[in-house]
């Protein structure tokens, strides 16, 4: 694990960094410039409140190839019956705030601090980040956001206030925009996304796909 210099935007090359935990660096800052650079090379921040910033590149990596999306009969009915409606980038900051306030299993806080939210909003204003919103009866009931690096979408966090809201939003996103992406990075395993077709791939394969699809590198 490498201690980062907050005055220098750099990371160890994740290709050569082996870490059983997936953590490859600690410290640094959460500036928009560092965040963008991190995602470009396959690294993301994830840490508990009050802790040092932890930077991850797990092996294996949890991803979804859009063609592998699985939609259950019950979810197909929910989408067909238009239980929810969907928008994109209509209330980006609100989605981040809802993600930050959502309590999660085995977590006593949120890694989405005010500083991180401001940096991600900065990336959104530059067209690098996007949000998907899920509505029911004109109320925001779910959504998620992520960072787009070329043809790879790095999903970051999601929330749901009613059952199936975030799952419906994710399915809608993949079905409507999946053809534009080589893969969707889900980062860390979850049963929720595994049920939708996400799978583990070697870190080396993920980094190769990211490099080949990163139009900014």
Protein backbone atom coordinates (compact mmCIF):
# COMPACT_ATOMS: atom_id res chain seq x y z
CA UNK A 1 0.00 0.00 0.00
CA UNK A 2 1.37 3.40 -1.03
CA UNK A 3 0.92 6.65 0.94
CA UNK A 4 -0.10 9.35 -1.52
CA UNK A 5 1.24 12.89 -1.57
CA UNK A 6 -1.72 15.33 -1.43
CA UNK A 7 0.29 17.84 -3.48
CA UNK A 8 0.94 15.46 -6.35
CA UNK A 9 -1.74 13.77 -8.45
CA UNK A 10 -0.31 10.31 -8.96
CA UNK A 11 -1.04 6.68 -8.13
CA UNK A 12 0.92 3.45 -8.21
CA UNK A 13 0.23 1.53 -11.43
CA UNK A 14 -2.57 -0.91 -10.49
CA UNK A 15 -1.29 -3.37 -13.10
CA UNK A 16 1.71 -4.10 -10.89
CA UNK A 17 0.17 -3.57 -7.45
CA UNK A 18 -0.87 -6.79 -5.74
CA UNK A 19 -3.16 -6.45 -2.74
CA UNK A 20 -5.23 -9.17 -1.15
CA UNK A 21 -7.65 -6.58 0.23
CA UNK A 22 -7.85 -4.59 -3.00
CA UNK A 23 -6.51 -1.42 -1.34
CA UNK A 24 -3.50 -0.08 -3.23
CA UNK A 25 -3.08 3.41 -1.83
CA UNK A 26 -4.02 5.62 1.10
CA UNK A 27 -4.30 9.37 1.59
CA UNK A 28 -4.03 12.07 -1.04
CA UNK A 29 -7.10 14.21 -1.57
CA UNK A 30 -10.52 14.10 -3.24
CA UNK A 31 -9.99 16.81 -5.83
CA UNK A 32 -11.91 16.43 -9.12
CA UNK A 33 -8.60 16.09 -10.95
CA UNK A 34 -7.41 13.21 -8.76
CA UNK A 35 -10.79 11.48 -8.92
CA UNK A 36 -10.90 11.63 -12.69
CA UNK A 37 -7.36 10.36 -13.02
CA UNK A 38 -8.08 7.52 -10.59
CA UNK A 39 -11.08 6.28 -12.57
CA UNK A 40 -9.12 6.50 -15.81
CA UNK A 41 -6.61 3.97 -14.51
CA UNK A 42 -9.08 1.70 -12.73
CA UNK A 43 -8.90 3.00 -9.16
CA UNK A 44 -11.77 4.25 -6.98
CA UNK A 45 -12.09 5.71 -3.45
CA UNK A 46 -14.02 3.92 -0.71
CA UNK A 47 -13.61 4.57 3.01
CA UNK A 48 -15.47 5.05 6.26
CA UNK A 49 -16.16 8.43 7.88
CA UNK A 50 -13.21 9.76 9.84
CA UNK A 51 -10.76 7.38 8.17
CA UNK A 52 -7.97 8.15 5.75
CA UNK A 53 -9.00 8.03 2.10
CA UNK A 54 -8.57 4.49 0.79
CA UNK A 55 -8.04 3.82 -2.92
CA UNK A 56 -9.08 0.46 -4.36
CA UNK A 57 -8.44 -1.71 -7.38
CA UNK A 58 -9.76 -5.14 -6.35
CA UNK A 59 -8.87 -8.43 -7.97
CA UNK A 60 -11.13 -9.89 -9.20
CA UNK A 61 -13.35 -7.04 -10.39
CA UNK A 62 -17.15 -7.17 -10.33
CA UNK A 63 -18.59 -6.03 -13.68
CA UNK A 64 -21.58 -6.35 -15.95
CA UNK A 65 -21.27 -6.85 -19.69
CA UNK A 66 -24.48 -5.25 -21.02
CA UNK A 67 -25.38 -8.28 -23.18
CA UNK A 68 -25.35 -10.43 -20.02
CA UNK A 69 -28.14 -8.46 -18.32
CA UNK A 70 -30.71 -10.74 -16.67
CA UNK A 71 -34.25 -9.48 -16.16
CA UNK A 72 -36.62 -11.60 -14.09
CA UNK A 73 -40.28 -12.08 -15.02
CA UNK A 74 -41.34 -9.94 -12.07
CA UNK A 75 -39.04 -7.09 -13.14
CA UNK A 76 -40.21 -7.34 -16.74
CA UNK A 77 -43.78 -6.89 -15.49
CA UNK A 78 -42.79 -3.88 -13.36
CA UNK A 79 -41.17 -2.23 -16.38
CA UNK A 80 -44.01 -3.18 -18.71
CA UNK A 81 -46.60 -1.78 -16.28
CA UNK A 82 -44.60 1.47 -16.01
CA UNK A 83 -44.56 1.35 -12.23
CA UNK A 84 -41.62 3.77 -12.44
CA UNK A 85 -40.50 6.50 -14.80
CA UNK A 86 -36.86 7.37 -15.46
CA UNK A 87 -34.81 10.46 -16.18
CA UNK A 88 -31.13 11.25 -16.59
CA UNK A 89 -29.21 14.12 -15.00
CA UNK A 90 -32.28 16.02 -13.85
CA UNK A 91 -31.20 16.24 -10.19
CA UNK A 92 -27.63 14.96 -10.00
CA UNK A 93 -26.73 16.46 -6.62
CA UNK A 94 -29.96 15.16 -5.08
CA UNK A 95 -29.11 11.62 -6.19
CA UNK A 96 -25.69 11.89 -4.53
CA UNK A 97 -27.24 13.22 -1.33
CA UNK A 98 -29.76 10.38 -1.25
CA UNK A 99 -26.97 7.85 -1.80
CA UNK A 100 -25.04 9.45 1.04
CA UNK A 101 -27.97 9.21 3.45
CA UNK A 102 -28.88 5.61 2.64
CA UNK A 103 -28.04 3.19 5.44
CA UNK A 104 -26.31 0.03 4.20
CA UNK A 105 -25.69 -3.38 5.68
CA UNK A 106 -22.40 -3.65 7.62
CA UNK A 107 -21.73 0.10 7.25
CA UNK A 108 -22.21 2.66 10.00
CA UNK A 109 -21.66 5.69 7.82
CA UNK A 110 -21.12 6.89 4.30
CA UNK A 111 -18.00 7.43 2.23
CA UNK A 112 -19.86 10.16 0.30
CA UNK A 113 -18.62 13.15 2.27
CA UNK A 114 -19.45 16.74 1.39
CA UNK A 115 -15.97 17.17 -0.11
CA UNK A 116 -16.42 14.11 -2.31
CA UNK A 117 -19.91 15.18 -3.37
CA UNK A 118 -18.58 18.57 -4.50
CA UNK A 119 -15.80 16.91 -6.52
CA UNK A 120 -18.21 14.50 -8.20
CA UNK A 121 -20.59 17.37 -9.00
CA UNK A 122 -17.61 19.10 -10.62
CA UNK A 123 -17.08 16.02 -12.83
CA UNK A 124 -20.80 16.05 -13.68
CA UNK A 125 -20.55 19.68 -14.76
CA UNK A 126 -17.73 18.64 -17.08
CA UNK A 127 -19.86 15.88 -18.60
CA UNK A 128 -17.84 13.08 -16.98
CA UNK A 129 -20.41 11.87 -14.43
CA UNK A 130 -24.10 11.14 -14.85
CA UNK A 131 -27.10 10.12 -12.79
CA UNK A 132 -30.19 8.06 -13.46
CA UNK A 133 -33.30 9.01 -11.50
CA UNK A 134 -36.27 6.75 -10.74
CA UNK A 135 -39.65 8.34 -10.08
CA UNK A 136 -43.01 7.15 -8.78
CA UNK A 137 -45.97 9.50 -8.61
CA UNK A 138 -43.59 12.41 -9.26
CA UNK A 139 -41.49 11.48 -6.22
CA UNK A 140 -37.80 10.57 -6.46
CA UNK A 141 -37.74 7.00 -5.12
CA UNK A 142 -34.44 5.66 -6.44
CA UNK A 143 -31.42 6.28 -8.59
CA UNK A 144 -27.71 5.88 -9.03
CA UNK A 145 -24.72 7.73 -10.41
CA UNK A 146 -21.42 6.88 -12.01
CA UNK A 147 -18.37 8.10 -13.88
CA UNK A 148 -17.99 7.57 -17.61
CA UNK A 149 -14.51 6.74 -18.87
CA UNK A 150 -14.70 6.26 -22.62
CA UNK A 151 -16.93 3.24 -23.23
CA UNK A 152 -16.77 2.07 -19.62
CA UNK A 153 -19.35 3.23 -17.07
CA UNK A 154 -18.10 3.11 -13.48
CA UNK A 155 -21.17 2.71 -11.31
CA UNK A 156 -20.58 4.29 -7.92
CA UNK A 157 -23.58 4.23 -5.63
CA UNK A 158 -27.34 3.72 -5.73
CA UNK A 159 -30.32 4.18 -3.46
CA UNK A 160 -33.94 3.06 -3.28
CA UNK A 161 -36.78 4.32 -1.12
CA UNK A 162 -39.25 1.71 -2.38
CA UNK A 163 -38.80 -1.91 -3.38
CA UNK A 164 -37.24 -2.55 -6.82
CA UNK A 165 -36.63 1.14 -7.57
CA UNK A 166 -32.85 0.99 -7.95
CA UNK A 167 -33.04 -2.37 -9.73
CA UNK A 168 -35.55 -0.96 -12.23
CA UNK A 169 -33.37 2.09 -12.81
CA UNK A 170 -30.31 -0.05 -13.44
CA UNK A 171 -32.16 -2.30 -15.88
CA UNK A 172 -33.56 0.73 -17.70
CA UNK A 173 -30.08 2.22 -17.98
CA UNK A 174 -28.54 -0.96 -19.38
CA UNK A 175 -31.39 -1.58 -21.80
CA UNK A 176 -31.48 2.00 -23.08
CA UNK A 177 -27.75 2.83 -23.05
CA UNK A 178 -25.90 -0.46 -22.75
CA UNK A 179 -25.01 -0.56 -26.43
CA UNK A 180 -22.74 2.45 -25.85
CA UNK A 181 -20.66 0.67 -23.20
CA UNK A 182 -18.19 -2.20 -23.34
CA UNK A 183 -18.92 -2.91 -19.70
CA UNK A 184 -20.35 -1.45 -16.51
CA UNK A 185 -17.97 -1.50 -13.56
CA UNK A 186 -19.81 -2.60 -10.41
CA UNK A 187 -16.55 -2.69 -8.41
CA UNK A 188 -17.43 -4.81 -5.35
CA UNK A 189 -19.63 -7.92 -5.34
CA UNK A 190 -23.28 -7.60 -4.35
CA UNK A 191 -26.05 -10.19 -4.58
CA UNK A 192 -28.32 -7.42 -5.88
CA UNK A 193 -26.23 -6.89 -9.02
CA UNK A 194 -25.22 -10.53 -9.38
CA UNK A 195 -28.91 -11.34 -9.82
CA UNK A 196 -28.89 -8.93 -12.78
CA UNK A 197 -25.99 -10.69 -14.49
CA UNK A 198 -22.89 -9.06 -13.05
CA UNK A 199 -19.87 -11.32 -12.70
CA UNK A 200 -16.26 -11.39 -11.53
CA UNK A 201 -13.38 -10.97 -13.99
CA UNK A 202 -9.62 -10.77 -13.34
CA UNK A 203 -8.29 -7.30 -12.55
CA UNK A 204 -5.92 -7.60 -15.51
CA UNK A 205 -8.83 -8.15 -17.90
CA UNK A 206 -10.73 -5.18 -16.48
CA UNK A 207 -7.73 -2.86 -16.75
CA UNK A 208 -7.11 -3.99 -20.34
CA UNK A 209 -10.73 -3.28 -21.32
CA UNK A 210 -10.60 0.09 -19.54
CA UNK A 211 -7.41 1.10 -21.34
CA UNK A 212 -8.74 0.00 -24.74
CA UNK A 213 -11.99 1.94 -24.25
CA UNK A 214 -10.59 5.07 -22.60
CA UNK A 215 -10.82 7.73 -25.28
CA UNK A 216 -9.21 10.26 -22.93
CA UNK A 217 -5.95 8.43 -22.34
